[in-house]
Amino acid sequence: MIEVIVLLLLALIFFFTVFYYLSKPLSQDQILGLSQKRRQKRIKKYFASSYQSCRPSDAFKKSLKPDGKFYSVDLDLPDIPCFVSSLLKYKKHEWSVITFIEERRMKYLWANKGPDRTKVTLLSINSIVETAKKHNCDTIMAFHNHPAHDPNHYSYRKPSDNDLYASQEYSKILNSLNVSYLDHVCERGTAYRFSLKPSETLHPFKENLNFTEKENLQGRMAHVKLHLELAFSTQKEEPTSYSIEKPRDGDKAEKPAIVWEQITKRCSKCGANYFSQHEKCPFCGEPQPK
């Protein structure tokens, strides 16, 4: 009996000690840490992708040109990884795809075919910046495939050193313009995200900081809640793959992309891609034939 009473007293002491600690306001460092965690959580939710099948139409697949073209596409952001990974599935050459997104809606897609399995020409950062500015895009999502010559024994989903370097350089420039940048490697119908660089204007840190500071002034129970969130709220692993089932014969495409026209020209002098309404190349000034 005495042992039980002692255990109960110890439990009560422990409970009140913990409650006393948790009922204290967060320190400034704790407020900063919780605000950053909340921002990361909101960003991951913003870019969360749908795992439902979203395939391009056969007509769209056949319309892709190997020399780098823009296409007008209407698609929700959550459906983009599945859509593009399906588009690049079974490609024997390496392809590059850049998608231009405004307010979680894809507006344009650029695709280019490489000369072989090992390399592909990327859309220049100048072209990406010009297109993003012209159409008020706030997010760029990049994809390229790694064709597998022996998929049963080797995995090609990891980015190369060149992939990592290019992604880092592109994200620096785009982030400075308040544009978020995501990069993926596609293998056998699956997109593996290896880079997520949000812009500072997407769920800005100061916004989360102000909200956390206000909560920290709302009394003891609010303090307990904040402490528990800081200590035990776990961040789910960032979604890194988006699979799509192999289409069967007779299957109809789900949510096919709406393709209206090819809207770019290639400069005869510098080789840059740009919108067809320009009479001169915006990069080198070369007059272009109509």
Protein backbone atom coordinates (compact mmCIF):
# COMPACT_ATOMS: atom_id res chain seq x y z
CA MET A 1 0.00 0.00 0.00
CA ILE A 2 2.79 2.41 0.89
CA GLU A 3 4.52 1.63 -2.41
CA VAL A 4 1.33 2.51 -4.33
CA ILE A 5 0.98 5.84 -2.50
CA VAL A 6 4.62 6.67 -3.19
CA LEU A 7 4.18 5.87 -6.88
CA LEU A 8 1.06 8.06 -7.06
CA LEU A 9 2.87 10.93 -5.38
CA LEU A 10 5.79 10.59 -7.77
CA ALA A 11 3.40 10.52 -10.73
CA LEU A 12 1.64 13.68 -9.49
CA ILE A 13 4.95 15.43 -8.97
CA PHE A 14 6.07 14.45 -12.46
CA PHE A 15 2.75 15.58 -13.99
CA PHE A 16 2.77 19.00 -12.31
CA THR A 17 6.46 19.50 -13.12
CA VAL A 18 5.84 18.80 -16.81
CA PHE A 19 2.70 20.97 -16.86
CA TYR A 20 4.59 23.80 -15.17
CA TYR A 21 7.30 23.63 -17.84
CA LEU A 22 4.86 23.34 -20.75
CA SER A 23 2.67 26.18 -19.48
CA LYS A 24 5.53 28.63 -19.87
CA PRO A 25 5.60 30.79 -23.02
CA LEU A 26 7.88 29.67 -25.83
CA SER A 27 11.31 31.25 -25.93
CA GLN A 28 12.30 33.29 -28.98
CA ASP A 29 14.38 30.41 -30.37
CA GLN A 30 11.44 28.03 -29.91
CA ILE A 31 9.09 30.49 -31.66
CA LEU A 32 11.50 30.69 -34.61
CA GLY A 33 11.84 26.90 -34.77
CA LEU A 34 8.07 26.30 -34.66
CA SER A 35 7.43 29.01 -37.26
CA GLN A 36 9.93 27.40 -39.63
CA LYS A 37 8.41 23.96 -39.08
CA ARG A 38 4.93 25.31 -39.80
CA ARG A 39 6.12 26.98 -42.99
CA GLN A 40 7.74 23.76 -44.22
CA LYS A 41 4.55 21.85 -43.48
CA ARG A 42 2.43 24.35 -45.41
CA ILE A 43 4.80 24.29 -48.38
CA LYS A 44 4.78 20.49 -48.55
CA LYS A 45 1.00 20.54 -48.44
CA TYR A 46 0.93 23.17 -51.20
CA PHE A 47 3.03 20.98 -53.50
CA ALA A 48 1.41 17.69 -52.50
CA SER A 49 0.69 15.63 -55.61
CA SER A 50 -2.20 13.43 -56.51
CA TYR A 51 -1.49 9.71 -56.73
CA GLN A 52 -4.48 9.21 -59.00
CA SER A 53 -3.82 8.21 -62.58
CA CYS A 54 -3.52 11.25 -64.86
CA ARG A 55 -2.37 10.38 -68.37
CA PRO A 56 -1.85 12.48 -71.47
CA SER A 57 -3.88 11.69 -74.55
CA ASP A 58 -2.30 9.70 -77.37
CA ALA A 59 -2.71 12.72 -79.61
CA PHE A 60 -0.64 14.84 -77.25
CA LYS A 61 2.13 12.23 -77.04
CA LYS A 62 2.33 12.07 -80.82
CA SER A 63 2.38 15.86 -81.11
CA LEU A 64 5.67 16.23 -79.19
CA LYS A 65 8.47 17.50 -81.40
CA PRO A 66 12.12 16.52 -80.85
CA ASP A 67 13.59 20.00 -81.37
CA GLY A 68 12.18 21.86 -78.34
CA LYS A 69 8.68 23.36 -78.46
CA PHE A 70 6.18 25.04 -76.16
CA TYR A 71 2.69 23.57 -75.79
CA SER A 72 -0.35 25.09 -74.15
CA VAL A 73 -1.58 22.74 -71.41
CA ASP A 74 -4.34 23.13 -68.82
CA LEU A 75 -3.71 20.98 -65.74
CA ASP A 76 -3.89 21.20 -61.94
CA LEU A 77 -0.58 21.25 -60.06
CA PRO A 78 -1.26 17.99 -58.12
CA ASP A 79 -1.68 16.10 -61.42
CA ILE A 80 1.51 17.34 -63.11
CA PRO A 81 4.07 14.73 -61.86
CA CYS A 82 1.89 11.78 -62.88
CA PHE A 83 1.08 13.42 -66.19
CA VAL A 84 4.70 14.14 -67.16
CA SER A 85 6.07 10.81 -65.89
CA SER A 86 3.50 9.05 -68.05
CA LEU A 87 4.42 11.28 -70.98
CA LEU A 88 8.08 10.23 -70.72
CA LYS A 89 7.44 6.56 -70.06
CA TYR A 90 8.96 4.20 -72.65
CA LYS A 91 11.06 7.00 -74.19
CA LYS A 92 14.34 5.55 -75.47
CA HIS A 93 16.09 8.93 -75.59
CA GLU A 94 16.48 11.39 -72.77
CA TRP A 95 13.83 14.13 -72.78
CA SER A 96 13.54 17.37 -70.84
CA VAL A 97 10.19 18.89 -69.81
CA ILE A 98 9.67 22.30 -68.18
CA THR A 99 6.22 23.23 -66.88
CA PHE A 100 5.05 26.79 -66.20
CA ILE A 101 2.51 27.19 -63.39
CA GLU A 102 0.42 30.09 -62.14
CA GLU A 103 -1.59 29.71 -58.92
CA ARG A 104 -1.44 25.91 -58.95
CA ARG A 105 -2.46 25.67 -62.60
CA MET A 106 -0.10 24.64 -65.40
CA LYS A 107 -0.32 26.98 -68.39
CA TYR A 108 2.53 25.87 -70.67
CA LEU A 109 4.83 22.94 -71.16
CA TRP A 110 8.15 22.87 -73.00
CA ALA A 111 9.57 19.55 -74.19
CA ASN A 112 12.82 18.65 -75.94
CA LYS A 113 14.38 15.36 -77.04
CA GLY A 114 18.04 14.55 -76.48
CA PRO A 115 20.32 12.91 -79.05
CA ASP A 116 20.69 9.72 -76.99
CA ARG A 117 20.15 8.08 -73.58
CA THR A 118 22.71 10.19 -71.74
CA LYS A 119 22.05 13.88 -72.44
CA VAL A 120 19.46 16.44 -73.46
CA THR A 121 19.52 20.18 -74.14
CA LEU A 122 17.76 22.18 -71.44
CA LEU A 123 15.66 25.27 -72.04
CA SER A 124 17.87 28.26 -71.29
CA ILE A 125 17.32 30.06 -68.02
CA ASN A 126 16.73 33.28 -70.00
CA SER A 127 13.84 31.64 -71.85
CA ILE A 128 12.40 30.26 -68.61
CA VAL A 129 12.60 33.65 -66.91
CA GLU A 130 11.05 35.46 -69.88
CA THR A 131 8.18 32.98 -70.10
CA ALA A 132 7.56 33.03 -66.35
CA LYS A 133 7.46 36.83 -66.27
CA LYS A 134 5.28 37.13 -69.36
CA HIS A 135 2.62 34.81 -67.95
CA ASN A 136 2.92 35.64 -64.24
CA CYS A 137 4.07 32.14 -63.34
CA ASP A 138 4.94 31.55 -59.70
CA THR A 139 6.23 27.97 -60.00
CA ILE A 140 8.48 26.09 -62.41
CA MET A 141 8.56 22.29 -62.33
CA ALA A 142 11.31 20.53 -64.30
CA PHE A 143 11.44 16.89 -65.35
CA HIS A 144 13.78 14.70 -67.34
CA ASN A 145 13.88 10.96 -67.82
CA HIS A 146 16.72 8.47 -67.37
CA PRO A 147 16.14 5.76 -69.99
CA ALA A 148 16.92 2.34 -68.51
CA HIS A 149 18.78 -0.15 -70.69
CA ASP A 150 18.49 -2.83 -67.97
CA PRO A 151 15.61 -1.85 -65.64
CA ASN A 152 15.43 -5.28 -64.04
CA HIS A 153 18.89 -4.96 -62.46
CA TYR A 154 19.67 -1.24 -62.25
CA SER A 155 17.92 1.85 -60.93
CA TYR A 156 18.26 5.17 -62.76
CA ARG A 157 16.16 7.31 -60.45
CA LYS A 158 18.99 9.18 -58.74
CA PRO A 159 20.02 12.59 -60.17
CA SER A 160 23.48 12.94 -61.65
CA ASP A 161 26.02 15.53 -60.53
CA ASN A 162 25.10 17.62 -63.57
CA ASP A 163 21.41 17.35 -62.63
CA LEU A 164 22.13 18.61 -59.12
CA TYR A 165 24.31 21.46 -60.35
CA ALA A 166 21.81 22.64 -62.98
CA SER A 167 18.96 22.44 -60.47
CA GLN A 168 20.91 24.49 -57.95
CA GLU A 169 21.76 27.21 -60.47
CA TYR A 170 18.23 27.42 -61.90
CA SER A 171 16.65 27.58 -58.43
CA LYS A 172 18.94 30.43 -57.32
CA ILE A 173 17.92 32.61 -60.26
CA LEU A 174 14.21 31.76 -60.11
CA ASN A 175 13.98 32.13 -56.33
CA SER A 176 15.50 35.61 -56.64
CA LEU A 177 12.50 36.44 -58.88
CA ASN A 178 10.01 34.98 -56.35
CA VAL A 179 9.45 31.84 -58.42
CA SER A 180 9.51 28.40 -56.79
CA TYR A 181 11.50 25.63 -58.50
CA LEU A 182 11.03 21.85 -58.30
CA ASP A 183 13.09 19.25 -60.14
CA HIS A 184 12.40 15.58 -60.87
CA VAL A 185 13.95 12.51 -62.45
CA CYS A 186 11.52 10.21 -64.26
CA GLU A 187 12.13 6.48 -64.56
CA ARG A 188 9.69 3.90 -65.93
CA GLY A 189 6.61 6.06 -65.44
CA THR A 190 7.55 7.40 -62.02
CA ALA A 191 8.68 10.94 -61.13
CA TYR A 192 11.19 11.22 -58.30
CA ARG A 193 11.50 14.69 -56.83
CA PHE A 194 15.08 15.54 -55.83
CA SER A 195 14.79 19.30 -55.36
CA LEU A 196 12.18 21.63 -53.87
CA LYS A 197 13.22 25.29 -53.60
CA PRO A 198 10.24 27.48 -52.65
CA SER A 199 10.30 31.22 -53.15
CA GLU A 200 10.38 33.46 -50.10
CA THR A 201 6.91 34.78 -50.99
CA LEU A 202 5.28 31.35 -50.74
CA HIS A 203 3.84 31.12 -47.21
CA PRO A 204 6.48 33.64 -46.06
CA PHE A 205 8.31 32.97 -42.84
CA LYS A 206 7.28 36.31 -41.33
CA GLU A 207 3.60 35.43 -41.78
CA ASN A 208 4.07 32.18 -39.82
CA LEU A 209 6.19 33.98 -37.23
CA ASN A 210 3.52 36.60 -36.56
CA PHE A 211 0.84 33.93 -36.17
CA THR A 212 2.99 31.90 -33.74
CA GLU A 213 3.83 34.99 -31.68
CA LYS A 214 0.13 35.83 -31.32
CA GLU A 215 -0.66 32.28 -30.19
CA ASN A 216 2.17 32.51 -27.66
CA LEU A 217 0.28 35.33 -25.89
CA GLN A 218 -2.98 33.43 -25.40
CA GLY A 219 -2.40 31.84 -21.98
CA ARG A 220 -1.21 28.62 -20.35
CA MET A 221 -3.22 26.13 -22.40
CA ALA A 222 -2.02 27.76 -25.62
CA HIS A 223 1.55 27.44 -24.34
CA VAL A 224 1.04 23.73 -23.65
CA LYS A 225 -0.34 23.24 -27.16
CA LEU A 226 2.60 25.06 -28.74
CA HIS A 227 5.18 23.11 -26.74
CA LEU A 228 3.56 19.80 -27.71
CA GLU A 229 3.40 20.81 -31.38
CA LEU A 230 7.06 21.78 -31.33
CA ALA A 231 8.14 18.55 -29.61
CA PHE A 232 5.92 15.91 -31.17
CA SER A 233 4.57 17.14 -34.50
CA THR A 234 6.36 14.97 -37.01
CA GLN A 235 7.00 16.02 -40.55
CA LYS A 236 6.04 13.40 -43.08
CA GLU A 237 8.73 12.54 -45.57
CA GLU A 238 8.49 14.73 -48.63
CA PRO A 239 6.70 12.85 -51.41
CA THR A 240 9.46 11.87 -53.80
CA SER A 241 7.74 9.55 -56.24
CA TYR A 242 4.53 9.64 -58.19
CA SER A 243 3.70 6.41 -59.99
CA ILE A 244 1.30 5.71 -62.78
CA GLU A 245 -0.04 2.39 -63.90
CA LYS A 246 0.80 1.02 -67.30
CA PRO A 247 -2.05 1.87 -69.72
CA ARG A 248 -3.95 -1.11 -70.99
CA ASP A 249 -5.22 -1.49 -74.54
CA GLY A 250 -8.51 0.31 -74.90
CA ASP A 251 -7.97 2.53 -71.84
CA LYS A 252 -9.16 6.09 -72.22
CA ALA A 253 -6.90 8.90 -71.11
CA GLU A 254 -7.91 10.48 -67.82
CA LYS A 255 -7.81 14.29 -67.69
CA PRO A 256 -6.07 14.65 -71.08
CA ALA A 257 -4.09 17.83 -71.59
CA ILE A 258 -5.76 20.48 -73.71
CA VAL A 259 -3.37 21.23 -76.56
CA TRP A 260 -4.19 24.21 -78.75
CA GLU A 261 -1.07 25.02 -80.74
CA GLN A 262 2.67 25.12 -80.85
CA ILE A 263 3.54 28.67 -79.97
CA THR A 264 7.30 29.02 -80.36
CA LYS A 265 9.98 29.71 -82.91
CA ARG A 266 13.65 28.77 -82.84
CA CYS A 267 16.13 31.55 -83.62
CA SER A 268 18.18 30.82 -86.75
CA LYS A 269 21.21 32.60 -85.26
CA CYS A 270 21.46 31.72 -81.54
CA GLY A 271 19.11 28.73 -81.41
CA ALA A 272 16.97 30.10 -78.55
CA ASN A 273 13.26 29.24 -78.28
CA TYR A 274 10.82 32.13 -77.92
CA PHE A 275 7.15 32.95 -78.45
CA SER A 276 6.06 33.22 -82.07
CA GLN A 277 4.55 36.72 -81.77
CA HIS A 278 8.05 38.24 -81.60
CA GLU A 279 9.35 39.62 -84.89
CA LYS A 280 12.92 39.55 -83.55
CA CYS A 281 14.70 37.12 -81.27
CA PRO A 282 14.51 38.66 -77.76
CA PHE A 283 17.95 37.24 -76.92
CA CYS A 284 20.15 38.22 -79.87
CA GLY A 285 17.91 40.60 -81.85
CA GLU A 286 18.07 38.57 -85.06
CA PRO A 287 15.04 39.32 -87.36
CA GLN A 288 13.01 36.17 -87.92
CA PRO A 289 11.10 35.12 -91.02
CA LYS A 290 7.32 35.14 -90.67
